[in-house]
């Protein structure tokens, strides 16, 4: 029963985070700094590996966290996944 409730809470947390819309405008920003800013704006813990490099310019308007991550990481040969503590 505890495992079920824990899983349910994680699913509810993910749905709340993914449902919140984000607006973020970045110009020639280091990708690591952009992802940390996204974490701050969305209230999500985001861990960025040192191998993720490059710069990004993006205008994200009224998008959810998943869309923002996909957009920022497009063309960076990087991926992400959700954990019970945030995004890696």
Protein backbone atom coordinates (compact mmCIF):
# COMPACT_ATOMS: atom_id res chain seq x y z
CA UNK A 1 0.00 0.00 0.00
CA UNK A 2 2.85 2.42 0.84
CA UNK A 3 4.50 1.75 -2.53
CA UNK A 4 1.22 2.45 -4.34
CA UNK A 5 0.72 5.75 -2.49
CA UNK A 6 4.32 6.81 -3.15
CA UNK A 7 3.94 6.01 -6.85
CA UNK A 8 0.64 7.90 -6.97
CA UNK A 9 2.24 10.97 -5.36
CA UNK A 10 5.13 10.89 -7.85
CA UNK A 11 2.67 10.66 -10.75
CA UNK A 12 0.64 13.56 -9.37
CA UNK A 13 3.83 15.64 -8.92
CA UNK A 14 4.91 14.93 -12.51
CA UNK A 15 1.48 15.88 -13.82
CA UNK A 16 1.51 19.16 -11.89
CA UNK A 17 5.00 20.07 -13.07
CA UNK A 18 4.27 19.11 -16.67
CA UNK A 19 0.95 20.98 -16.65
CA UNK A 20 2.44 24.29 -15.47
CA UNK A 21 3.14 26.59 -18.38
CA UNK A 22 6.46 28.38 -18.71
CA UNK A 23 7.52 31.49 -20.59
CA UNK A 24 11.26 31.95 -20.99
CA UNK A 25 13.28 34.04 -23.45
CA UNK A 26 16.97 33.23 -23.83
CA UNK A 27 19.55 34.72 -26.17
CA UNK A 28 22.97 33.17 -26.75
CA UNK A 29 22.88 31.55 -23.29
CA UNK A 30 25.07 28.68 -22.10
CA UNK A 31 22.88 25.54 -22.22
CA UNK A 32 23.73 24.65 -18.61
CA UNK A 33 22.69 28.11 -17.41
CA UNK A 34 19.54 27.90 -19.56
CA UNK A 35 18.55 24.59 -17.99
CA UNK A 36 19.22 25.90 -14.48
CA UNK A 37 17.06 28.94 -15.26
CA UNK A 38 14.34 26.61 -16.51
CA UNK A 39 14.59 24.71 -13.23
CA UNK A 40 14.25 27.93 -11.24
CA UNK A 41 11.26 29.13 -13.27
CA UNK A 42 9.47 25.78 -13.11
CA UNK A 43 10.38 24.99 -9.51
CA UNK A 44 12.00 21.74 -10.63
CA UNK A 45 15.40 20.33 -9.66
CA UNK A 46 17.41 19.91 -12.87
CA UNK A 47 20.84 18.25 -12.84
CA UNK A 48 23.01 18.98 -15.88
CA UNK A 49 25.94 16.74 -16.80
CA UNK A 50 29.25 18.49 -17.54
CA UNK A 51 29.25 16.95 -21.03
CA UNK A 52 26.23 19.06 -22.05
CA UNK A 53 27.82 21.99 -23.83
CA UNK A 54 26.81 24.74 -26.21
CA UNK A 55 24.76 27.88 -26.39
CA UNK A 56 21.06 28.32 -27.04
CA UNK A 57 18.72 31.05 -28.19
CA UNK A 58 15.05 30.30 -27.62
CA UNK A 59 11.74 32.04 -27.09
CA UNK A 60 9.52 29.69 -25.12
CA UNK A 61 6.03 31.05 -24.60
CA UNK A 62 3.36 29.25 -22.59
CA UNK A 63 4.92 25.77 -22.90
CA UNK A 64 5.05 22.94 -20.37
CA UNK A 65 8.27 21.64 -18.85
CA UNK A 66 8.55 18.70 -21.23
CA UNK A 67 8.23 20.94 -24.31
CA UNK A 68 10.78 23.37 -22.87
CA UNK A 69 13.30 20.60 -22.21
CA UNK A 70 12.83 19.10 -25.69
CA UNK A 71 13.26 22.51 -27.31
CA UNK A 72 16.36 23.49 -25.34
CA UNK A 73 18.06 20.13 -25.85
CA UNK A 74 17.23 19.78 -29.55
CA UNK A 75 20.45 19.41 -31.52
CA UNK A 76 22.61 19.14 -28.37
CA UNK A 77 22.97 15.32 -28.44
CA UNK A 78 21.51 15.25 -24.94
CA UNK A 79 18.50 13.66 -23.36
CA UNK A 80 16.68 13.86 -20.04
CA UNK A 81 14.59 11.75 -17.74
CA UNK A 82 12.43 12.35 -14.71
CA UNK A 83 13.32 10.98 -11.29
CA UNK A 84 11.46 11.26 -8.02
CA UNK A 85 13.75 14.20 -7.15
CA UNK A 86 13.66 16.15 -10.41
CA UNK A 87 15.06 15.98 -13.92
CA UNK A 88 18.44 14.54 -14.95
